N, C-alpha and C. Protein backbone atom coordinates (compact mmCIF):
# COMPACT_ATOMS: atom_id res chain seq x y z
N MET A 1 7.99 5.80 -14.22
CA MET A 1 8.47 4.59 -13.68
C MET A 1 9.69 4.27 -14.99
N HIS A 2 10.62 3.73 -14.60
CA HIS A 2 12.10 4.15 -15.26
C HIS A 2 12.21 2.37 -15.64
N THR A 3 12.50 2.16 -16.68
CA THR A 3 13.00 0.63 -17.54
C THR A 3 14.18 1.42 -18.27
N ASP A 4 14.81 -0.10 -18.36
CA ASP A 4 16.00 -0.16 -19.78
C ASP A 4 15.28 0.41 -21.12
N GLN A 5 13.97 0.24 -21.37
CA GLN A 5 13.62 0.69 -22.74
C GLN A 5 13.15 1.74 -22.78
N GLY A 6 12.97 2.20 -21.64
CA GLY A 6 12.00 4.11 -21.63
C GLY A 6 11.71 4.22 -20.64
N THR A 7 11.19 5.08 -20.32
CA THR A 7 10.34 5.90 -19.14
C THR A 7 8.63 6.09 -19.50
N VAL A 8 7.94 6.05 -18.35
CA VAL A 8 6.81 5.68 -18.77
C VAL A 8 6.34 6.61 -17.62
N GLU A 9 5.60 7.50 -17.69
CA GLU A 9 4.40 8.68 -16.54
C GLU A 9 3.24 8.77 -16.96
N VAL A 10 2.60 8.67 -15.62
CA VAL A 10 1.33 8.99 -15.89
C VAL A 10 1.06 10.46 -15.54
N LEU A 11 -0.01 10.92 -16.69
CA LEU A 11 -0.38 12.43 -16.63
C LEU A 11 -1.72 12.09 -16.50
N GLY A 12 -2.22 12.99 -15.36
CA GLY A 12 -3.42 13.45 -15.78
C GLY A 12 -4.36 12.86 -14.67
N THR A 13 -3.90 12.25 -14.12
CA THR A 13 -4.12 11.20 -12.92
C THR A 13 -4.02 11.12 -11.61
N GLU A 14 -4.65 11.16 -10.52
CA GLU A 14 -4.20 11.15 -9.57
C GLU A 14 -4.95 10.22 -8.40
N PHE A 15 -4.45 9.31 -8.02
CA PHE A 15 -4.70 8.15 -7.38
C PHE A 15 -4.21 7.93 -5.51
N ASN A 16 -4.90 7.12 -5.20
CA ASN A 16 -3.93 6.40 -3.79
C ASN A 16 -4.20 5.28 -3.40
N VAL A 17 -3.22 4.52 -3.25
CA VAL A 17 -3.33 3.59 -2.88
C VAL A 17 -3.06 2.64 -1.80
N LYS A 18 -4.06 1.52 -1.05
CA LYS A 18 -3.40 0.94 0.12
C LYS A 18 -3.37 -0.11 0.67
N SER A 19 -2.48 -1.00 0.73
CA SER A 19 -2.35 -2.18 0.61
C SER A 19 -1.84 -3.12 1.90
N ARG A 20 -3.00 -3.74 2.28
CA ARG A 20 -2.48 -4.40 3.26
C ARG A 20 -2.94 -6.23 3.41
N PRO A 21 -2.30 -6.88 4.25
CA PRO A 21 -2.05 -8.27 3.91
C PRO A 21 -3.81 -9.03 3.83
N THR A 22 -4.96 -8.26 4.09
CA THR A 22 -6.45 -8.44 4.19
C THR A 22 -7.18 -7.27 3.63
N PHE A 23 -6.58 -6.49 3.27
CA PHE A 23 -7.05 -5.13 2.55
C PHE A 23 -6.20 -4.35 1.65
N PHE A 24 -6.99 -4.20 0.43
CA PHE A 24 -7.00 -3.72 -0.81
C PHE A 24 -7.86 -2.31 -1.19
N GLU A 25 -7.21 -0.75 -0.92
CA GLU A 25 -8.17 -0.26 -1.74
C GLU A 25 -7.54 1.12 -2.76
N VAL A 26 -8.06 1.16 -3.72
CA VAL A 26 -7.55 2.30 -4.53
C VAL A 26 -8.82 3.73 -4.55
N ILE A 27 -8.37 4.63 -4.20
CA ILE A 27 -9.33 5.72 -4.61
C ILE A 27 -8.73 6.30 -5.63
N CYS A 28 -9.64 6.88 -6.90
CA CYS A 28 -9.03 7.65 -8.05
C CYS A 28 -9.70 9.09 -7.47
N TYR A 29 -9.03 10.20 -7.52
CA TYR A 29 -9.53 11.47 -7.69
C TYR A 29 -9.57 12.34 -8.83
N VAL A 30 -8.72 11.87 -10.22
CA VAL A 30 -8.92 12.29 -11.23
C VAL A 30 -8.54 11.50 -12.47
N GLY A 31 -9.19 11.29 -13.13
CA GLY A 31 -8.95 10.50 -14.63
C GLY A 31 -9.34 9.05 -14.65
N LEU A 32 -8.66 8.12 -14.72
CA LEU A 32 -8.93 6.75 -14.61
C LEU A 32 -8.19 5.89 -14.11
N VAL A 33 -8.33 4.69 -13.67
CA VAL A 33 -7.29 3.60 -12.81
C VAL A 33 -7.93 2.19 -12.92
N GLN A 34 -7.33 1.70 -13.40
CA GLN A 34 -7.75 -0.11 -13.80
C GLN A 34 -6.76 -0.32 -13.09
N VAL A 35 -7.69 -1.51 -12.41
CA VAL A 35 -7.17 -2.80 -11.12
C VAL A 35 -7.33 -3.72 -11.37
N SER A 36 -5.91 -4.80 -10.97
CA SER A 36 -6.49 -6.07 -11.31
C SER A 36 -6.43 -6.98 -9.81
N TYR A 37 -7.47 -7.55 -10.09
CA TYR A 37 -7.83 -8.23 -8.39
C TYR A 37 -8.27 -9.14 -8.82
N ASN A 38 -7.32 -10.56 -8.13
CA ASN A 38 -8.07 -11.92 -8.62
C ASN A 38 -8.61 -12.05 -10.11
N SER A 39 -7.93 -11.96 -10.65
CA SER A 39 -7.68 -12.31 -12.24
C SER A 39 -9.01 -11.41 -12.75
N LYS A 40 -8.80 -10.28 -12.34
CA LYS A 40 -10.73 -9.70 -12.92
C LYS A 40 -9.51 -8.18 -12.54
N ILE A 41 -10.43 -7.21 -14.01
CA ILE A 41 -10.28 -6.13 -14.02
C ILE A 41 -11.22 -5.25 -14.02
N TYR A 42 -10.86 -4.14 -13.38
CA TYR A 42 -11.95 -3.08 -13.06
C TYR A 42 -11.67 -1.73 -13.09
N LYS A 43 -12.13 -0.98 -13.92
CA LYS A 43 -12.09 0.60 -14.00
C LYS A 43 -12.24 1.35 -13.19
N ILE A 44 -11.62 2.20 -12.43
CA ILE A 44 -11.91 2.96 -11.85
C ILE A 44 -11.85 4.38 -11.62
N PRO A 45 -13.35 5.26 -11.87
CA PRO A 45 -13.16 6.35 -12.70
C PRO A 45 -13.03 7.61 -11.34
N SER A 46 -12.74 8.96 -11.83
CA SER A 46 -12.67 9.83 -11.28
C SER A 46 -13.90 9.93 -10.09
N GLY A 47 -13.70 9.75 -8.44
CA GLY A 47 -15.12 9.75 -7.45
C GLY A 47 -15.48 9.10 -6.95
N LYS A 48 -14.53 7.65 -7.69
CA LYS A 48 -14.67 6.18 -7.16
C LYS A 48 -13.76 5.17 -6.73
N SER A 49 -14.11 4.62 -5.74
CA SER A 49 -13.14 4.08 -5.04
C SER A 49 -13.18 2.22 -5.47
N PHE A 50 -12.34 1.45 -4.62
CA PHE A 50 -12.33 -0.05 -4.77
C PHE A 50 -11.71 -0.29 -3.61
N ARG A 51 -12.63 -0.81 -2.97
CA ARG A 51 -12.03 -1.72 -2.11
C ARG A 51 -12.20 -3.44 -1.71
N ALA A 52 -10.95 -4.32 -1.53
CA ALA A 52 -11.36 -5.58 -1.15
C ALA A 52 -10.87 -5.64 0.07
N PHE A 53 -11.50 -6.60 0.63
CA PHE A 53 -11.14 -6.58 2.19
C PHE A 53 -11.66 -8.46 2.27
N ASP A 54 -11.15 -9.22 3.00
CA ASP A 54 -11.14 -11.12 3.11
C ASP A 54 -12.06 -11.05 1.80
N ASN A 55 -11.43 -10.59 0.20
CA ASN A 55 -12.01 -11.17 -1.07
C ASN A 55 -13.58 -10.59 -0.99
N GLN A 56 -13.87 -10.14 -0.22
CA GLN A 56 -15.32 -9.18 -0.69
C GLN A 56 -14.68 -7.53 -1.18
N ILE A 57 -15.55 -7.52 -2.21
CA ILE A 57 -15.19 -6.32 -3.33
C ILE A 57 -16.36 -5.30 -3.01
N PHE A 58 -16.08 -3.93 -2.49
CA PHE A 58 -16.70 -2.98 -2.28
C PHE A 58 -16.50 -1.60 -3.35
N LYS A 59 -17.36 -1.27 -4.29
CA LYS A 59 -16.69 0.32 -4.67
C LYS A 59 -17.93 0.94 -4.41
N ASP A 60 -17.01 2.08 -4.48
CA ASP A 60 -18.23 3.49 -3.58
C ASP A 60 -17.85 4.44 -4.15
N LEU A 61 -18.70 5.74 -3.53
CA LEU A 61 -18.30 6.73 -4.82
C LEU A 61 -17.22 7.93 -3.57
N THR A 62 -16.54 8.44 -3.44
CA THR A 62 -15.78 9.13 -3.05
C THR A 62 -15.56 10.79 -2.91
N ILE A 63 -15.54 11.52 -1.79
CA ILE A 63 -16.34 12.66 -2.13
C ILE A 63 -14.97 14.08 -1.80
N ASP A 64 -14.18 13.55 -1.40
CA ASP A 64 -12.56 13.52 -1.32
C ASP A 64 -12.00 14.12 -2.67
N ILE A 65 -11.33 14.77 -2.29
CA ILE A 65 -10.23 15.37 -3.86
C ILE A 65 -9.58 15.63 -3.68
N GLN A 66 -8.44 14.62 -2.43
CA GLN A 66 -6.85 14.36 -2.08
C GLN A 66 -7.21 13.49 -1.18
N PRO A 67 -6.04 12.67 -1.17
CA PRO A 67 -6.05 11.54 -0.12
C PRO A 67 -5.96 12.77 1.23
N SER A 68 -6.06 12.10 2.26
CA SER A 68 -5.96 13.13 3.68
C SER A 68 -4.63 13.41 3.98
N TRP A 69 -3.76 12.36 3.49
CA TRP A 69 -2.53 12.00 4.41
C TRP A 69 -1.89 13.57 3.92
N MET A 70 -1.94 14.12 2.57
CA MET A 70 -1.42 15.02 2.17
C MET A 70 -1.24 16.70 2.71
N GLU A 71 -2.62 16.31 3.71
CA GLU A 71 -2.82 17.88 4.76
C GLU A 71 -2.45 17.15 5.98
N HIS A 72 -1.55 16.34 6.44
CA HIS A 72 -1.01 15.57 7.34
C HIS A 72 -2.68 14.98 8.39
N LYS A 73 -3.24 14.00 7.63
CA LYS A 73 -4.30 13.96 8.99
C LYS A 73 -4.69 12.46 8.04
N SER A 74 -5.39 12.26 8.95
CA SER A 74 -5.78 10.28 8.50
C SER A 74 -7.00 10.00 9.01
N ALA A 75 -7.64 9.67 7.73
CA ALA A 75 -9.51 9.53 7.61
C ALA A 75 -9.47 7.80 7.42
N PHE A 76 -10.65 7.58 7.94
CA PHE A 76 -11.36 6.10 7.70
C PHE A 76 -12.41 6.16 7.19
N LYS A 77 -12.82 4.52 6.12
CA LYS A 77 -13.90 4.71 5.94
C LYS A 77 -14.06 3.25 5.32
N SER A 78 -14.86 2.94 6.48
CA SER A 78 -15.07 1.39 6.10
C SER A 78 -13.95 0.32 6.37
N VAL A 79 -12.78 0.69 6.81
CA VAL A 79 -11.59 -0.23 6.72
C VAL A 79 -11.16 -0.95 8.19
N PRO A 80 -11.04 -1.89 8.17
CA PRO A 80 -10.62 -2.86 8.89
C PRO A 80 -9.69 -2.53 9.66
N VAL A 81 -9.48 -2.94 11.42
CA VAL A 81 -9.06 -2.59 12.44
C VAL A 81 -7.98 -3.91 12.27
N PHE A 82 -6.69 -3.47 12.54
CA PHE A 82 -5.77 -5.11 12.44
C PHE A 82 -5.32 -5.11 13.86
């Protein structure tokens, strides 16, 4: 990220974010990701995911090593249909 004061770069972290009007998901593949949701802070380590749907929070494990879209595929797990 570039700012007027300097540049910030994330090193050693791989994650994916999906954000829709009623659905929010963060999957951490490598490293640690901090998520702020409804004024609460959640730390998501590698191999775990954070999902929020209609203000319900779900934290799960993931066996994926990278987002499916990187292989030109779509994969869904407990994702609401819009």
